[in-house]
Amino acid sequence: MITERDVVLDDGRVLRVHDTGPGSGERVVLWHHGSPQTGALLPPLLEAAAQRSVRLVSYGRPSYGGSSPLPGRDVASAAGDVAQLADALGLDRFATMGASGGGPHALACAALLPERVTGAAVLAGVAPWTGEPSWFAGMAAPGALRAALEGREARARYAETDEFDAEVFTAADWAALDGPWASLGEDSQRAGQDGTDGLVDDDVAYASLWGVDLSAVTAPVLLVQGGQDRMVPPSHVELLRRALPHAEVWLRPHDGHVSVLAACPAALDWLLSSAGQR
């Protein structure tokens, strides 16, 4: 059973939190959603967690899924929000896991909450902004992130006319969206109906300094990357590998940005084992 609640933060903002509850197991994994998503827990994740007796928790980042806005937020701000969320739920230690735009935020928690985060798994995760044009290399549709370099107002203007480029997804991605990950596409549409503020703030945060020193990560890290990813290209996992030299890397040469999520159950097993939660 999933419970949904609002956690009020010290600054008065609200985070909309989704939780399978303490009855689902002592092992806890906090999921960081991609961009744009509402933060709701999706059926493939719930099934994998239930099979492993894992308590699964997620939340909507600011301006997503009922959570309050935080214009100008950086990636690092997620750690402060998660610390307060964990306090509210009585979570002492937990693993963290994220896909796509959730990856940076999962890593921020690992870096900034070392006493609480037991491990991090990242699938198709965005790498820290390098300040170099090569950061965009391999992206089928980099326009939104290029606009984000000019600041929030420029990214918001871009959103007014931006249209999704179907070529970003591979045939394997579309098969996943038509099949086991159909809920991801549906949730993305729900997030879009609430406006573009969350996505705008995400993109500006990705294309800026994160405020996170990844060398501070001491917990085990798993990086999973699809070799055919046209949204977050394989070059990003190489950047992450350099920043996290002790991370384990799984390259899935035939996967794209969505189809790589088929690795979630195996990544969850790795995370629980490496984080010492078995």
C-alpha atoms as a PDB file:
ATOM      1  CA  MET A   1       0.000   0.000   0.000  1.00  0.00           C
ATOM      2  CA  ILE A   2       1.316   3.428  -0.959  1.00  0.00           C
ATOM      3  CA  THR A   3       0.736   6.377   1.320  1.00  0.00           C
ATOM      4  CA  GLU A   4       0.999   9.960   0.142  1.00  0.00           C
ATOM      5  CA  ARG A   5       1.707  12.836   2.491  1.00  0.00           C
ATOM      6  CA  ASP A   6       3.007  16.374   2.514  1.00  0.00           C
ATOM      7  CA  VAL A   7       6.163  17.038   4.522  1.00  0.00           C
ATOM      8  CA  VAL A   8       6.517  20.657   5.614  1.00  0.00           C
ATOM      9  CA  LEU A   9      10.118  21.849   5.494  1.00  0.00           C
ATOM     10  CA  ASP A  10      11.834  24.389   7.743  1.00  0.00           C
ATOM     11  CA  ASP A  11      11.382  27.160   5.178  1.00  0.00           C
ATOM     12  CA  GLY A  12       7.639  26.498   4.897  1.00  0.00           C
ATOM     13  CA  ARG A  13       7.810  24.657   1.593  1.00  0.00           C
ATOM     14  CA  VAL A  14       6.001  21.364   1.116  1.00  0.00           C
ATOM     15  CA  LEU A  15       7.325  18.134  -0.379  1.00  0.00           C
ATOM     16  CA  ARG A  16       4.796  15.633  -1.689  1.00  0.00           C
ATOM     17  CA  VAL A  17       6.078  12.240  -0.514  1.00  0.00           C
ATOM     18  CA  HIS A  18       5.137   8.719  -1.621  1.00  0.00           C
ATOM     19  CA  ASP A  19       5.938   5.802   0.694  1.00  0.00           C
ATOM     20  CA  THR A  20       5.229   2.073   0.638  1.00  0.00           C
ATOM     21  CA  GLY A  21       5.416   2.193   4.417  1.00  0.00           C
ATOM     22  CA  PRO A  22       7.429   0.591   7.198  1.00  0.00           C
ATOM     23  CA  GLY A  23       5.474  -2.647   6.888  1.00  0.00           C
ATOM     24  CA  SER A  24       7.118  -3.266   3.496  1.00  0.00           C
ATOM     25  CA  GLY A  25      10.527  -3.990   4.965  1.00  0.00           C
ATOM     26  CA  GLU A  26      13.361  -2.587   7.030  1.00  0.00           C
ATOM     27  CA  ARG A  27      15.544  -1.920   3.988  1.00  0.00           C
ATOM     28  CA  VAL A  28      14.832   1.535   2.582  1.00  0.00           C
ATOM     29  CA  VAL A  29      15.516   2.923  -0.891  1.00  0.00           C
ATOM     30  CA  LEU A  30      14.742   6.526  -1.780  1.00  0.00           C
ATOM     31  CA  TRP A  31      13.953   7.008  -5.485  1.00  0.00           C
ATOM     32  CA  HIS A  32      14.751  10.245  -7.375  1.00  0.00           C
ATOM     33  CA  HIS A  33      12.549  10.753 -10.412  1.00  0.00           C
ATOM     34  CA  GLY A  34      13.532  11.951 -13.868  1.00  0.00           C
ATOM     35  CA  SER A  35      12.545  15.140 -15.671  1.00  0.00           C
ATOM     36  CA  PRO A  36       9.633  15.729 -15.970  1.00  0.00           C
ATOM     37  CA  GLN A  37       7.897  13.331 -13.553  1.00  0.00           C
ATOM     38  CA  THR A  38       5.544  13.839 -10.621  1.00  0.00           C
ATOM     39  CA  GLY A  39       7.534  11.774  -8.138  1.00  0.00           C
ATOM     40  CA  ALA A  40       4.834   9.100  -7.930  1.00  0.00           C
ATOM     41  CA  LEU A  41       6.081   5.535  -7.495  1.00  0.00           C
ATOM     42  CA  LEU A  42       5.673   3.622 -10.767  1.00  0.00           C
ATOM     43  CA  PRO A  43       4.514  -0.016 -11.029  1.00  0.00           C
ATOM     44  CA  PRO A  44       7.827  -1.556 -12.232  1.00  0.00           C
ATOM     45  CA  LEU A  45       9.639  -0.027  -9.253  1.00  0.00           C
ATOM     46  CA  LEU A  46       6.916  -1.053  -6.827  1.00  0.00           C
ATOM     47  CA  GLU A  47       6.991  -4.632  -8.087  1.00  0.00           C
ATOM     48  CA  ALA A  48      10.771  -4.878  -7.797  1.00  0.00           C
ATOM     49  CA  ALA A  49      10.715  -3.388  -4.287  1.00  0.00           C
ATOM     50  CA  ALA A  50       7.910  -5.667  -3.100  1.00  0.00           C
ATOM     51  CA  GLN A  51       9.769  -8.762  -4.325  1.00  0.00           C
ATOM     52  CA  ARG A  52      12.748  -7.710  -2.195  1.00  0.00           C
ATOM     53  CA  SER A  53      10.842  -6.579   0.912  1.00  0.00           C
ATOM     54  CA  VAL A  54      12.103  -3.043   0.394  1.00  0.00           C
ATOM     55  CA  ARG A  55      10.471   0.091   1.711  1.00  0.00           C
ATOM     56  CA  LEU A  56      10.405   2.426  -1.293  1.00  0.00           C
ATOM     57  CA  VAL A  57      10.112   6.183  -0.809  1.00  0.00           C
ATOM     58  CA  SER A  58       9.998   8.977  -3.382  1.00  0.00           C
ATOM     59  CA  TYR A  59       9.074  12.639  -3.535  1.00  0.00           C
ATOM     60  CA  GLY A  60       8.349  15.337  -6.080  1.00  0.00           C
ATOM     61  CA  ARG A  61      11.199  17.789  -6.464  1.00  0.00           C
ATOM     62  CA  PRO A  62      10.168  21.443  -6.148  1.00  0.00           C
ATOM     63  CA  SER A  63       7.376  22.371  -8.606  1.00  0.00           C
ATOM     64  CA  TYR A  64       6.644  18.708  -9.377  1.00  0.00           C
ATOM     65  CA  GLY A  65       3.649  16.658  -8.317  1.00  0.00           C
ATOM     66  CA  GLY A  66       2.343  18.961  -5.580  1.00  0.00           C
ATOM     67  CA  SER A  67       5.693  20.039  -4.106  1.00  0.00           C
ATOM     68  CA  SER A  68       6.295  23.753  -3.549  1.00  0.00           C
ATOM     69  CA  PRO A  69       8.448  25.740  -6.000  1.00  0.00           C
ATOM     70  CA  LEU A  70      12.048  26.666  -5.282  1.00  0.00           C
ATOM     71  CA  PRO A  71      13.204  28.876  -8.175  1.00  0.00           C
ATOM     72  CA  GLY A  72      16.947  29.007  -8.596  1.00  0.00           C
ATOM     73  CA  ARG A  73      17.545  25.710  -6.798  1.00  0.00           C
ATOM     74  CA  ASP A  74      20.753  23.823  -7.479  1.00  0.00           C
ATOM     75  CA  VAL A  75      21.352  20.085  -7.467  1.00  0.00           C
ATOM     76  CA  ALA A  76      22.821  20.250  -3.965  1.00  0.00           C
ATOM     77  CA  SER A  77      19.545  21.558  -2.521  1.00  0.00           C
ATOM     78  CA  ALA A  78      18.051  18.085  -2.892  1.00  0.00           C
ATOM     79  CA  ALA A  79      20.192  16.824  -0.025  1.00  0.00           C
ATOM     80  CA  GLY A  80      18.732  19.315   2.428  1.00  0.00           C
ATOM     81  CA  ASP A  81      15.199  18.451   1.334  1.00  0.00           C
ATOM     82  CA  VAL A  82      15.866  14.725   1.608  1.00  0.00           C
ATOM     83  CA  ALA A  83      17.403  15.082   5.074  1.00  0.00           C
ATOM     84  CA  GLN A  84      14.236  16.753   6.335  1.00  0.00           C
ATOM     85  CA  LEU A  85      12.048  14.225   4.518  1.00  0.00           C
ATOM     86  CA  ALA A  86      13.969  11.378   6.143  1.00  0.00           C
ATOM     87  CA  ASP A  87      13.635  12.975   9.570  1.00  0.00           C
ATOM     88  CA  ALA A  88       9.882  13.305   9.070  1.00  0.00           C
ATOM     89  CA  LEU A  89       9.562   9.625   8.116  1.00  0.00           C
ATOM     90  CA  GLY A  90      11.939   8.438  10.846  1.00  0.00           C
ATOM     91  CA  LEU A  91      14.509   7.136   8.356  1.00  0.00           C
ATOM     92  CA  ASP A  92      18.018   6.957   9.749  1.00  0.00           C
ATOM     93  CA  ARG A  93      19.912   5.175   6.968  1.00  0.00           C
ATOM     94  CA  PHE A  94      18.791   4.533   3.395  1.00  0.00           C
ATOM     95  CA  ALA A  95      20.071   3.843  -0.090  1.00  0.00           C
ATOM     96  CA  THR A  96      19.317   6.229  -2.914  1.00  0.00           C
ATOM     97  CA  MET A  97      18.552   5.521  -6.549  1.00  0.00           C
ATOM     98  CA  GLY A  98      17.674   7.722  -9.513  1.00  0.00           C
ATOM     99  CA  ALA A  99      17.278   7.704 -13.281  1.00  0.00           C
ATOM    100  CA  SER A 100      18.061  10.398 -15.839  1.00  0.00           C
ATOM    101  CA  GLY A 101      17.585  13.758 -14.097  1.00  0.00           C
ATOM    102  CA  GLY A 102      17.157  11.907 -10.814  1.00  0.00           C
ATOM    103  CA  GLY A 103      20.749  10.726 -11.021  1.00  0.00           C
ATOM    104  CA  PRO A 104      22.409  14.025 -10.058  1.00  0.00           C
ATOM    105  CA  HIS A 105      20.105  14.374  -7.066  1.00  0.00           C
ATOM    106  CA  ALA A 106      20.806  10.824  -5.896  1.00  0.00           C
ATOM    107  CA  LEU A 107      24.538  11.554  -6.083  1.00  0.00           C
ATOM    108  CA  ALA A 108      24.076  14.868  -4.257  1.00  0.00           C
ATOM    109  CA  CYS A 109      22.520  12.991  -1.359  1.00  0.00           C
ATOM    110  CA  ALA A 110      25.370  10.474  -1.329  1.00  0.00           C
ATOM    111  CA  ALA A 111      27.941  13.282  -1.261  1.00  0.00           C
ATOM    112  CA  LEU A 112      26.253  15.573   1.234  1.00  0.00           C
ATOM    113  CA  LEU A 113      24.598  13.042   3.552  1.00  0.00           C
ATOM    114  CA  PRO A 114      27.398  10.482   3.977  1.00  0.00           C
ATOM    115  CA  GLU A 115      26.265   9.491   7.446  1.00  0.00           C
ATOM    116  CA  ARG A 116      22.828   8.478   6.136  1.00  0.00           C
ATOM    117  CA  VAL A 117      23.222   7.243   2.557  1.00  0.00           C
ATOM    118  CA  THR A 118      24.410   3.646   2.346  1.00  0.00           C
ATOM    119  CA  GLY A 119      24.768   3.528  -1.434  1.00  0.00           C
ATOM    120  CA  ALA A 120      23.654   5.106  -4.702  1.00  0.00           C
ATOM    121  CA  ALA A 121      22.523   3.623  -8.021  1.00  0.00           C
ATOM    122  CA  VAL A 122      22.213   5.876 -11.066  1.00  0.00           C
ATOM    123  CA  LEU A 123      20.685   4.888 -14.401  1.00  0.00           C
ATOM    124  CA  ALA A 124      21.242   7.088 -17.479  1.00  0.00           C
ATOM    125  CA  GLY A 125      22.309   9.906 -15.177  1.00  0.00           C
ATOM    126  CA  VAL A 126      23.338  13.396 -16.222  1.00  0.00           C
ATOM    127  CA  ALA A 127      26.980  14.239 -15.466  1.00  0.00           C
ATOM    128  CA  PRO A 128      28.095  17.499 -13.815  1.00  0.00           C
ATOM    129  CA  TRP A 129      28.322  20.508 -16.100  1.00  0.00           C
ATOM    130  CA  THR A 130      31.865  20.850 -17.405  1.00  0.00           C
ATOM    131  CA  GLY A 131      31.631  24.262 -19.059  1.00  0.00           C
ATOM    132  CA  GLU A 132      32.717  22.621 -22.333  1.00  0.00           C
ATOM    133  CA  PRO A 133      30.675  22.227 -25.551  1.00  0.00           C
ATOM    134  CA  SER A 134      31.517  18.516 -25.512  1.00  0.00           C
ATOM    135  CA  TRP A 135      29.049  18.104 -22.620  1.00  0.00           C
ATOM    136  CA  PHE A 136      26.284  18.311 -25.251  1.00  0.00           C
ATOM    137  CA  ALA A 137      27.928  15.879 -27.694  1.00  0.00           C
ATOM    138  CA  GLY A 138      25.658  12.978 -28.592  1.00  0.00           C
ATOM    139  CA  MET A 139      22.441  14.630 -27.395  1.00  0.00           C
ATOM    140  CA  ALA A 140      19.757  14.385 -30.073  1.00  0.00           C
ATOM    141  CA  ALA A 141      17.928  17.477 -28.786  1.00  0.00           C
ATOM    142  CA  PRO A 142      20.197  19.681 -26.642  1.00  0.00           C
ATOM    143  CA  GLY A 143      18.246  22.900 -27.205  1.00  0.00           C
ATOM    144  CA  ALA A 144      16.610  23.034 -23.779  1.00  0.00           C
ATOM    145  CA  LEU A 145      19.883  22.564 -21.923  1.00  0.00           C
ATOM    146  CA  ARG A 146      21.635  25.078 -24.167  1.00  0.00           C
ATOM    147  CA  ALA A 147      18.916  27.597 -23.321  1.00  0.00           C
ATOM    148  CA  ALA A 148      19.393  26.782 -19.635  1.00  0.00           C
ATOM    149  CA  LEU A 149      22.975  28.039 -19.879  1.00  0.00           C
ATOM    150  CA  GLU A 150      21.538  31.534 -20.288  1.00  0.00           C
ATOM    151  CA  GLY A 151      19.547  31.304 -17.057  1.00  0.00           C
ATOM    152  CA  ARG A 152      16.055  30.572 -15.844  1.00  0.00           C
ATOM    153  CA  GLU A 153      14.262  33.241 -17.882  1.00  0.00           C
ATOM    154  CA  ALA A 154      15.853  32.063 -21.120  1.00  0.00           C
ATOM    155  CA  ARG A 155      14.986  28.436 -20.349  1.00  0.00           C
ATOM    156  CA  ALA A 156      11.400  29.402 -19.516  1.00  0.00           C
ATOM    157  CA  ARG A 157      11.085  31.262 -22.831  1.00  0.00           C
ATOM    158  CA  TYR A 158      12.393  28.214 -24.650  1.00  0.00           C
ATOM    159  CA  ALA A 159       9.723  26.097 -22.955  1.00  0.00           C
ATOM    160  CA  GLU A 160       6.988  28.238 -24.501  1.00  0.00           C
ATOM    161  CA  THR A 161       7.713  26.869 -27.973  1.00  0.00           C
ATOM    162  CA  ASP A 162       9.604  23.666 -27.257  1.00  0.00           C
ATOM    163  CA  GLU A 163       8.230  20.487 -28.799  1.00  0.00           C
ATOM    164  CA  PHE A 164       9.294  16.948 -27.979  1.00  0.00           C
ATOM    165  CA  ASP A 165      11.571  15.377 -30.573  1.00  0.00           C
ATOM    166  CA  ALA A 166      10.551  11.743 -31.004  1.00  0.00           C
ATOM    167  CA  GLU A 167      14.000  10.925 -32.397  1.00  0.00           C
ATOM    168  CA  VAL A 168      15.396  11.253 -28.871  1.00  0.00           C
ATOM    169  CA  PHE A 169      14.047   7.768 -28.138  1.00  0.00           C
ATOM    170  CA  THR A 170      15.222   4.580 -29.833  1.00  0.00           C
ATOM    171  CA  ALA A 171      12.981   1.754 -31.002  1.00  0.00           C
ATOM    172  CA  ALA A 172      13.833  -0.058 -27.764  1.00  0.00           C
ATOM    173  CA  ASP A 173      12.758   2.999 -25.774  1.00  0.00           C
ATOM    174  CA  TRP A 174       9.402   3.176 -27.547  1.00  0.00           C
ATOM    175  CA  ALA A 175       8.876  -0.545 -26.950  1.00  0.00           C
ATOM    176  CA  ALA A 176       9.505   0.008 -23.235  1.00  0.00           C
ATOM    177  CA  LEU A 177       7.057   2.925 -23.178  1.00  0.00           C
ATOM    178  CA  ASP A 178       4.445   0.811 -24.956  1.00  0.00           C
ATOM    179  CA  GLY A 179       5.060  -2.056 -22.532  1.00  0.00           C
ATOM    180  CA  PRO A 180       6.447  -2.331 -19.008  1.00  0.00           C
ATOM    181  CA  TRP A 181       7.241   1.374 -18.636  1.00  0.00           C
ATOM    182  CA  ALA A 182       3.985   2.780 -20.025  1.00  0.00           C
ATOM    183  CA  SER A 183       3.382   4.317 -16.605  1.00  0.00           C
ATOM    184  CA  LEU A 184       6.491   6.471 -17.031  1.00  0.00           C
ATOM    185  CA  GLY A 185       5.092   8.125 -20.145  1.00  0.00           C
ATOM    186  CA  GLU A 186       1.732   8.639 -18.472  1.00  0.00           C
ATOM    187  CA  ASP A 187       3.351  10.172 -15.408  1.00  0.00           C
ATOM    188  CA  SER A 188       5.470  12.477 -17.570  1.00  0.00           C
ATOM    189  CA  GLN A 189       2.310  13.749 -19.232  1.00  0.00           C
ATOM    190  CA  ARG A 190       0.735  14.413 -15.838  1.00  0.00           C
ATOM    191  CA  ALA A 191       3.822  16.353 -14.785  1.00  0.00           C
ATOM    192  CA  GLY A 192       3.640  18.415 -17.981  1.00  0.00           C
ATOM    193  CA  GLN A 193       0.024  19.313 -17.299  1.00  0.00           C
ATOM    194  CA  ASP A 194       1.147  21.053 -14.096  1.00  0.00           C
ATOM    195  CA  GLY A 195       3.390  23.434 -16.070  1.00  0.00           C
ATOM    196  CA  THR A 196       7.062  23.651 -16.940  1.00  0.00           C
ATOM    197  CA  ASP A 197       8.538  25.201 -13.784  1.00  0.00           C
ATOM    198  CA  GLY A 198       9.946  21.947 -12.435  1.00  0.00           C
ATOM    199  CA  LEU A 199      11.582  21.021 -15.734  1.00  0.00           C
ATOM    200  CA  VAL A 200      12.954  24.538 -16.214  1.00  0.00           C
ATOM    201  CA  ASP A 201      14.518  24.528 -12.755  1.00  0.00           C
ATOM    202  CA  ASP A 202      15.919  21.048 -13.308  1.00  0.00           C
ATOM    203  CA  ASP A 203      17.591  21.991 -16.587  1.00  0.00           C
ATOM    204  CA  VAL A 204      19.113  25.171 -15.164  1.00  0.00           C
ATOM    205  CA  ALA A 205      20.470  23.145 -12.231  1.00  0.00           C
ATOM    206  CA  TYR A 206      21.988  20.488 -14.528  1.00  0.00           C
ATOM    207  CA  ALA A 207      23.660  23.070 -16.773  1.00  0.00           C
ATOM    208  CA  SER A 208      25.154  24.975 -13.832  1.00  0.00           C
ATOM    209  CA  LEU A 209      27.570  24.183 -11.044  1.00  0.00           C
ATOM    210  CA  TRP A 210      25.867  21.561  -8.920  1.00  0.00           C
ATOM    211  CA  GLY A 211      27.221  22.700  -5.567  1.00  0.00           C
ATOM    212  CA  VAL A 212      28.308  19.089  -5.008  1.00  0.00           C
ATOM    213  CA  ASP A 213      31.820  17.647  -4.679  1.00  0.00           C
ATOM    214  CA  LEU A 214      31.472  14.095  -5.985  1.00  0.00           C
ATOM    215  CA  SER A 215      34.874  13.224  -4.535  1.00  0.00           C
ATOM    216  CA  ALA A 216      33.131  13.380  -1.147  1.00  0.00           C
ATOM    217  CA  VAL A 217      31.047  10.300  -1.987  1.00  0.00           C
ATOM    218  CA  THR A 218      32.220   7.402   0.177  1.00  0.00           C
ATOM    219  CA  ALA A 219      29.233   5.071  -0.258  1.00  0.00           C
ATOM    220  CA  PRO A 220      29.217   2.431  -3.024  1.00  0.00           C
ATOM    221  CA  VAL A 221      28.000   3.794  -6.376  1.00  0.00           C
ATOM    222  CA  LEU A 222      26.609   1.971  -9.410  1.00  0.00           C
ATOM    223  CA  LEU A 223      26.380   3.694 -12.789  1.00  0.00           C
ATOM    224  CA  VAL A 224      24.167   2.091 -15.468  1.00  0.00           C
ATOM    225  CA  GLN A 225      24.257   3.443 -19.028  1.00  0.00           C
ATOM    226  CA  GLY A 226      22.636   2.548 -22.329  1.00  0.00           C
ATOM    227  CA  GLY A 227      24.992   2.618 -25.291  1.00  0.00           C
ATOM    228  CA  GLN A 228      22.278   3.950 -27.629  1.00  0.00           C
ATOM    229  CA  ASP A 229      21.025   6.702 -25.314  1.00  0.00           C
ATOM    230  CA  ARG A 230      20.282   9.848 -27.334  1.00  0.00           C
ATOM    231  CA  MET A 231      19.077  11.967 -24.420  1.00  0.00           C
ATOM    232  CA  VAL A 232      21.901  11.447 -21.921  1.00  0.00           C
ATOM    233  CA  PRO A 233      24.682  10.038 -24.123  1.00  0.00           C
ATOM    234  CA  PRO A 234      27.311   7.497 -23.047  1.00  0.00           C
ATOM    235  CA  SER A 235      29.878  10.277 -22.782  1.00  0.00           C
ATOM    236  CA  HIS A 236      28.145  11.324 -19.558  1.00  0.00           C
ATOM    237  CA  VAL A 237      28.847   8.027 -17.833  1.00  0.00           C
ATOM    238  CA  GLU A 238      32.501   8.506 -18.748  1.00  0.00           C
ATOM    239  CA  LEU A 239      32.460  11.926 -17.075  1.00  0.00           C
ATOM    240  CA  LEU A 240      30.835  10.388 -14.019  1.00  0.00           C
ATOM    241  CA  ARG A 241      33.382   7.572 -13.998  1.00  0.00           C
ATOM    242  CA  ARG A 242      36.191  10.136 -13.832  1.00  0.00           C
ATOM    243  CA  ALA A 243      34.513  11.935 -10.934  1.00  0.00           C
ATOM    244  CA  LEU A 244      33.700   8.644  -9.180  1.00  0.00           C
ATOM    245  CA  PRO A 245      36.694   6.394  -9.936  1.00  0.00           C
ATOM    246  CA  HIS A 246      35.568   3.694  -7.505  1.00  0.00           C
ATOM    247  CA  ALA A 247      32.064   3.392  -8.980  1.00  0.00           C
ATOM    248  CA  GLU A 248      30.970   0.178 -10.662  1.00  0.00           C
ATOM    249  CA  VAL A 249      29.784   0.747 -14.243  1.00  0.00           C
ATOM    250  CA  TRP A 250      27.323  -1.373 -16.198  1.00  0.00           C
ATOM    251  CA  LEU A 251      27.270  -0.588 -19.911  1.00  0.00           C
ATOM    252  CA  ARG A 252      24.238  -1.898 -21.779  1.00  0.00           C
ATOM    253  CA  PRO A 253      25.166  -1.406 -25.442  1.00  0.00           C
ATOM    254  CA  HIS A 254      21.724  -1.970 -26.963  1.00  0.00           C
ATOM    255  CA  ASP A 255      19.697   0.176 -24.535  1.00  0.00           C
ATOM    256  CA  GLY A 256      18.457   3.716 -24.947  1.00  0.00           C
ATOM    257  CA  HIS A 257      17.278   6.203 -22.344  1.00  0.00           C
ATOM    258  CA  VAL A 258      14.115   4.358 -21.288  1.00  0.00           C
ATOM    259  CA  SER A 259      14.902   0.745 -22.134  1.00  0.00           C
ATOM    260  CA  VAL A 260      17.892   0.898 -19.756  1.00  0.00           C
ATOM    261  CA  LEU A 261      15.353   0.950 -16.913  1.00  0.00           C
ATOM    262  CA  ALA A 262      14.981  -2.790 -17.431  1.00  0.00           C
ATOM    263  CA  ALA A 263      18.113  -2.947 -15.276  1.00  0.00           C
ATOM    264  CA  CYS A 264      16.284  -1.505 -12.249  1.00  0.00           C
ATOM    265  CA  PRO A 265      15.669  -4.857 -10.490  1.00  0.00           C
ATOM    266  CA  ALA A 266      19.306  -5.946 -10.918  1.00  0.00           C
ATOM    267  CA  ALA A 267      20.519  -2.506  -9.875  1.00  0.00           C
ATOM    268  CA  LEU A 268      18.335  -2.723  -6.794  1.00  0.00           C
ATOM    269  CA  ASP A 269      19.881  -6.092  -5.925  1.00  0.00           C
ATOM    270  CA  TRP A 270      23.364  -4.624  -6.356  1.00  0.00           C
ATOM    271  CA  LEU A 271      22.476  -1.617  -4.273  1.00  0.00           C
ATOM    272  CA  LEU A 272      21.080  -3.612  -1.385  1.00  0.00           C
ATOM    273  CA  SER A 273      24.032  -6.006  -1.395  1.00  0.00           C
ATOM    274  CA  SER A 274      26.751  -3.373  -1.750  1.00  0.00           C
ATOM    275  CA  ALA A 275      25.144  -1.084   0.782  1.00  0.00           C
ATOM    276  CA  GLY A 276      25.129  -3.849   3.380  1.00  0.00           C
ATOM    277  CA  GLN A 277      21.345  -3.879   3.696  1.00  0.00           C
ATOM    278  CA  ARG A 278      20.898  -7.641   3.180  1.00  0.00           C
END
